[in-house]
Protein backbone atom coordinates (compact mmCIF):
# COMPACT_ATOMS: atom_id res chain seq x y z
CA MET A 1 -91.66 -46.95 -32.44
CA PHE A 2 -91.06 -49.64 -35.06
CA SER A 3 -92.58 -53.00 -34.12
CA GLY A 4 -90.52 -56.06 -35.01
CA LYS A 5 -93.30 -58.24 -33.65
CA ARG A 6 -95.80 -56.82 -36.14
CA LEU A 7 -93.32 -57.30 -38.96
CA SER A 8 -92.93 -60.95 -38.01
CA GLU A 9 -96.68 -61.49 -37.68
CA LEU A 10 -97.43 -59.89 -41.05
CA ARG A 11 -94.65 -61.82 -42.76
CA VAL A 12 -95.99 -65.14 -41.44
CA LYS A 13 -99.56 -64.12 -42.37
CA ARG A 14 -98.41 -63.54 -45.96
CA GLY A 15 -96.71 -66.95 -46.00
CA LEU A 16 -93.22 -65.52 -46.42
CA THR A 17 -90.02 -66.81 -44.88
CA GLN A 18 -87.43 -64.32 -43.65
CA LEU A 19 -85.27 -65.21 -46.65
CA GLU A 20 -88.13 -64.67 -49.11
CA LEU A 21 -88.95 -61.28 -47.61
CA ALA A 22 -85.27 -60.34 -47.68
CA GLU A 23 -85.08 -61.15 -51.40
CA LYS A 24 -88.11 -58.98 -52.13
CA LEU A 25 -86.47 -56.04 -50.36
CA GLY A 26 -82.96 -56.64 -51.67
CA VAL A 27 -81.49 -57.02 -48.19
CA SER A 28 -79.87 -59.90 -46.34
CA PHE A 29 -81.68 -62.53 -44.28
CA HIS A 30 -79.80 -61.23 -41.23
CA THR A 31 -81.24 -57.74 -41.78
CA ILE A 32 -84.80 -59.09 -41.58
CA LEU A 33 -83.83 -61.05 -38.47
CA ARG A 34 -82.43 -57.91 -36.81
CA TRP A 35 -85.55 -55.93 -37.68
CA GLU A 36 -87.86 -58.55 -36.22
CA LYS A 37 -85.80 -58.73 -33.04
CA GLU A 38 -85.60 -54.90 -33.01
CA ARG A 39 -81.83 -54.92 -32.92
CA ARG A 40 -81.91 -52.61 -35.93
CA PHE A 41 -84.66 -50.61 -37.60
CA PRO A 42 -85.51 -50.10 -41.29
CA ASP A 43 -84.97 -46.69 -42.84
CA VAL A 44 -87.84 -44.82 -44.47
CA PHE A 45 -87.21 -46.36 -47.87
CA HIS A 46 -87.18 -49.98 -46.69
CA LEU A 47 -90.09 -49.20 -44.37
CA SER A 48 -92.08 -48.05 -47.39
CA ILE A 49 -91.27 -51.21 -49.34
CA LEU A 50 -92.12 -53.37 -46.33
CA ALA A 51 -95.53 -51.77 -46.04
CA ASP A 52 -96.26 -52.34 -49.72
CA VAL A 53 -95.04 -55.96 -49.74
CA LEU A 54 -96.96 -56.82 -46.56
CA GLU A 55 -100.05 -54.86 -47.68
CA THR A 56 -100.13 -52.73 -44.56
CA SER A 57 -99.37 -49.15 -43.60
CA VAL A 58 -96.19 -47.54 -42.39
CA ALA A 59 -98.16 -46.25 -39.40
CA TYR A 60 -99.10 -49.80 -38.37
CA LEU A 61 -95.49 -50.99 -38.61
CA MET A 62 -94.55 -47.99 -36.49
CA GLY A 63 -96.91 -49.00 -33.68
CA GLU A 64 -100.32 -47.51 -34.53
CA LYS A 65 -103.08 -49.51 -32.81
CA LYS A 66 -105.06 -50.24 -35.96
CA ASN A 67 -103.84 -51.44 -39.32
CA GLY A 68 -104.88 -48.25 -41.02
CA SER A 69 -104.90 -47.35 -44.68
CA GLY A 70 -105.28 -44.35 -46.94
CA LYS A 71 -103.00 -41.47 -46.10
CA TYR A 72 -100.78 -43.70 -43.98
CA TYR A 73 -99.77 -46.01 -46.82
CA ALA A 74 -96.15 -46.07 -47.89
CA ARG A 75 -96.92 -44.78 -51.37
CA ASP A 76 -98.08 -41.48 -49.86
CA ILE A 77 -94.76 -40.73 -48.15
CA ASP A 78 -92.82 -38.03 -49.98
CA LYS A 79 -89.65 -40.04 -50.42
CA GLU A 80 -88.26 -37.37 -52.73
CA ALA A 81 -88.04 -34.92 -49.82
CA VAL A 82 -85.90 -37.02 -47.49
CA ILE A 83 -82.66 -38.96 -47.56
CA ALA A 84 -81.42 -41.87 -45.45
CA VAL A 85 -78.02 -40.99 -43.98
CA PRO A 86 -75.94 -44.00 -42.83
CA LEU A 87 -74.79 -43.89 -39.22
CA LEU A 88 -71.14 -44.86 -38.81
CA ASP A 89 -70.34 -47.82 -36.59
CA SER A 90 -71.09 -46.98 -32.97
CA SER A 91 -67.56 -47.94 -31.90
CA PHE A 92 -66.39 -44.69 -33.49
CA VAL A 93 -67.38 -41.28 -32.22
CA ALA A 94 -66.54 -37.67 -32.96
CA CYS A 95 -65.24 -36.01 -29.86
CA ALA A 96 -66.57 -32.59 -28.94
CA GLY A 97 -63.65 -32.17 -26.58
CA TRP A 98 -60.02 -32.85 -27.38
CA GLY A 99 -60.77 -35.40 -30.09
CA PHE A 100 -59.93 -39.06 -30.44
CA GLY A 101 -60.52 -42.08 -32.65
CA ASP A 102 -58.74 -43.20 -35.80
CA MET A 103 -60.97 -43.14 -38.88
CA GLU A 104 -58.98 -45.85 -40.66
CA GLY A 105 -61.09 -48.92 -41.24
CA ILE A 106 -64.40 -47.24 -40.42
CA GLU A 107 -67.30 -48.68 -42.36
CA PRO A 108 -70.86 -47.37 -42.30
CA ASP A 109 -73.41 -49.58 -40.58
CA PHE A 110 -76.15 -49.34 -43.19
CA CYS A 111 -78.65 -51.08 -40.90
CA ALA A 112 -78.64 -47.89 -38.83
CA THR A 113 -79.66 -44.67 -40.53
CA LEU A 114 -80.94 -41.20 -39.81
CA ILE A 115 -83.70 -39.73 -41.95
CA VAL A 116 -83.12 -36.06 -42.77
CA GLY A 117 -84.61 -33.60 -45.21
CA LYS A 118 -82.79 -33.16 -48.49
CA ASP A 119 -83.07 -29.40 -48.12
CA ASP A 120 -81.32 -29.65 -44.75
CA ILE A 121 -78.46 -31.93 -45.83
CA GLY A 122 -77.40 -29.69 -48.72
CA ARG A 123 -75.88 -30.66 -52.04
CA ILE A 124 -75.48 -34.32 -52.95
CA GLY A 125 -72.43 -35.28 -55.00
CA GLY A 126 -69.84 -38.00 -55.33
CA LYS A 127 -69.12 -38.05 -51.59
CA CYS A 128 -72.25 -39.10 -49.75
CA PRO A 129 -73.32 -37.62 -46.40
CA TYR A 130 -73.08 -39.74 -43.28
CA ALA A 131 -73.85 -39.47 -39.58
CA ILE A 132 -71.70 -40.01 -36.52
CA LYS A 133 -72.21 -39.85 -32.77
CA VAL A 134 -70.69 -37.01 -30.72
CA GLU A 135 -69.17 -37.36 -27.27
CA GLY A 136 -68.17 -34.40 -25.15
CA ASP A 137 -69.51 -30.98 -24.17
CA SER A 138 -67.20 -28.53 -25.92
CA MET A 139 -69.83 -27.69 -28.56
CA GLN A 140 -72.82 -27.63 -26.19
CA GLU A 141 -73.45 -23.91 -26.70
CA ALA A 142 -73.30 -24.44 -30.46
CA GLY A 143 -76.31 -26.74 -30.24
CA ILE A 144 -74.24 -29.92 -30.48
CA PRO A 145 -74.57 -31.59 -27.06
CA ASP A 146 -73.00 -34.77 -25.77
CA GLY A 147 -74.68 -37.80 -27.34
CA ALA A 148 -75.98 -35.98 -30.42
CA ARG A 149 -75.87 -37.54 -33.86
CA ILE A 150 -74.52 -35.19 -36.48
CA SER A 151 -75.14 -35.53 -40.20
CA VAL A 152 -72.00 -34.52 -42.09
CA ASN A 153 -71.84 -33.51 -45.76
CA PRO A 154 -68.40 -33.73 -47.44
CA GLU A 155 -69.75 -31.90 -50.52
CA GLU A 156 -70.78 -28.66 -48.81
CA PRO A 157 -68.40 -25.67 -49.04
CA ILE A 158 -66.73 -24.65 -45.77
CA TYR A 159 -66.56 -21.07 -44.53
CA ASN A 160 -65.08 -19.52 -41.41
CA GLY A 161 -67.34 -20.15 -38.45
CA ASP A 162 -68.89 -23.33 -39.82
CA ALA A 163 -69.14 -26.38 -37.58
CA VAL A 164 -67.11 -29.16 -39.17
CA LEU A 165 -65.94 -32.69 -38.55
CA VAL A 166 -62.16 -32.79 -38.82
CA LYS A 167 -59.44 -35.38 -38.67
CA TRP A 168 -56.22 -33.99 -37.27
CA GLY A 169 -52.91 -34.91 -35.64
CA ARG A 170 -50.67 -37.92 -36.01
CA ARG A 171 -53.19 -40.16 -34.24
CA GLY A 172 -55.92 -39.27 -36.70
CA ASP A 173 -58.20 -37.76 -34.05
CA LEU A 174 -61.78 -36.89 -34.96
CA ALA A 175 -63.35 -33.75 -33.54
CA VAL A 176 -66.31 -31.43 -34.08
CA LYS A 177 -65.27 -27.78 -33.99
CA TRP A 178 -65.88 -24.35 -35.44
CA TYR A 179 -63.44 -23.87 -38.30
CA TYR A 180 -61.42 -20.72 -39.01
CA GLU A 181 -58.73 -20.38 -41.68
CA TYR A 182 -56.08 -17.66 -41.81
CA ASN A 183 -53.07 -17.02 -44.04
CA ASP A 184 -50.67 -19.00 -41.89
CA ARG A 185 -52.86 -21.30 -39.81
CA VAL A 186 -56.20 -22.91 -39.13
CA GLU A 187 -57.99 -22.72 -35.80
CA LEU A 188 -60.45 -25.24 -34.42
CA ARG A 189 -62.59 -23.56 -31.79
CA SER A 190 -65.06 -24.93 -29.30
CA SER A 191 -68.09 -23.10 -27.95
CA ASN A 192 -66.54 -23.45 -24.48
CA PRO A 193 -63.06 -21.90 -24.91
CA ALA A 194 -62.49 -21.57 -21.16
CA LYS A 195 -62.49 -25.35 -20.84
CA TYR A 196 -61.29 -26.22 -24.35
CA PRO A 197 -58.84 -23.64 -25.77
CA PRO A 198 -58.56 -23.34 -29.56
CA ILE A 199 -56.52 -25.94 -31.41
CA ILE A 200 -54.08 -24.08 -33.66
CA ILE A 201 -52.42 -25.86 -36.57
CA THR A 202 -50.01 -23.92 -38.77
CA LYS A 203 -49.98 -24.41 -42.52
CA GLU A 204 -46.23 -24.95 -42.32
CA GLU A 205 -46.86 -27.82 -39.93
CA ILE A 206 -49.42 -29.31 -42.31
CA GLU A 207 -46.99 -29.06 -45.25
CA GLN A 208 -44.15 -30.63 -43.27
CA GLU A 209 -46.32 -33.55 -42.24
CA ALA A 210 -47.49 -34.04 -45.84
CA GLU A 211 -43.88 -34.12 -47.05
CA ALA A 212 -43.18 -36.77 -44.42
CA GLY A 213 -46.01 -38.87 -45.84
CA ASN A 214 -48.69 -37.99 -43.31
CA ILE A 215 -51.14 -36.47 -45.78
CA ASP A 216 -54.03 -36.85 -43.34
CA PHE A 217 -52.39 -34.80 -40.59
CA PHE A 218 -55.21 -32.32 -41.11
CA ARG A 219 -58.34 -33.00 -43.13
CA ILE A 220 -61.83 -31.55 -43.13
CA CYS A 221 -64.20 -34.51 -43.34
CA GLY A 222 -67.27 -32.39 -43.96
CA LYS A 223 -69.64 -29.73 -42.76
CA VAL A 224 -72.10 -30.44 -39.95
CA MET A 225 -75.53 -29.96 -41.52
CA VAL A 226 -78.03 -31.56 -39.13
CA VAL A 227 -77.91 -32.25 -35.40
CA SER A 228 -80.19 -34.99 -34.04
CA VAL A 229 -80.62 -35.10 -30.28
CA ILE A 230 -82.28 -37.68 -28.04
CA PRO A 231 -83.78 -35.96 -24.96
CA LYS A 232 -82.34 -36.98 -21.60
CA ARG A 233 -84.50 -38.10 -18.70
CA GLY A 234 -85.06 -35.86 -15.72
CA ILE A 235 -83.15 -36.40 -12.49
């Protein structure tokens, strides 16, 4: 677990103010403040820079008892193998149920990120991957439980049966579903059809809404590539 207290102690030991450390990392003063108070946590890239600037190890910043060296130093992390995926603002969620939540105005909270393997996230192009929290149990059997964080890639091709994040309906609902496309319609299926029947949207309906100016009546936001789950406590 990242230690904001150790960050603060090391910063003071090096004679750096929060503003000076922020300038060295290319982040805001408020970001350093949040890290030290553990309201937010640095991603792997900023963690690596922190360790180098403060002449410590990533392991020590992450709570190791001793300020180790050698293989634990930031320079030894294979930063080429991972990517920091921004987690969208926590006030917005993707519903694994009926779907809700307008995407308009959503901005990524870049102080919160998920670290995933580049091989897992797929191709990287003009549209960057992002992560979002899931609420609901309709995709439980698909390995996407309530409370999971999903990493979504807008650049990955979509095939029938893929789990996708979609925006649909006049309210701009967000939902995580299995996607199936046919000649005259698309179907959004849950892994629990008895509780959540398929959502069927005809292509004629999509065209009519587009002609009326609602071009986002149905839109695939991206393919679900990685599912991150926090274990629940026993009861």
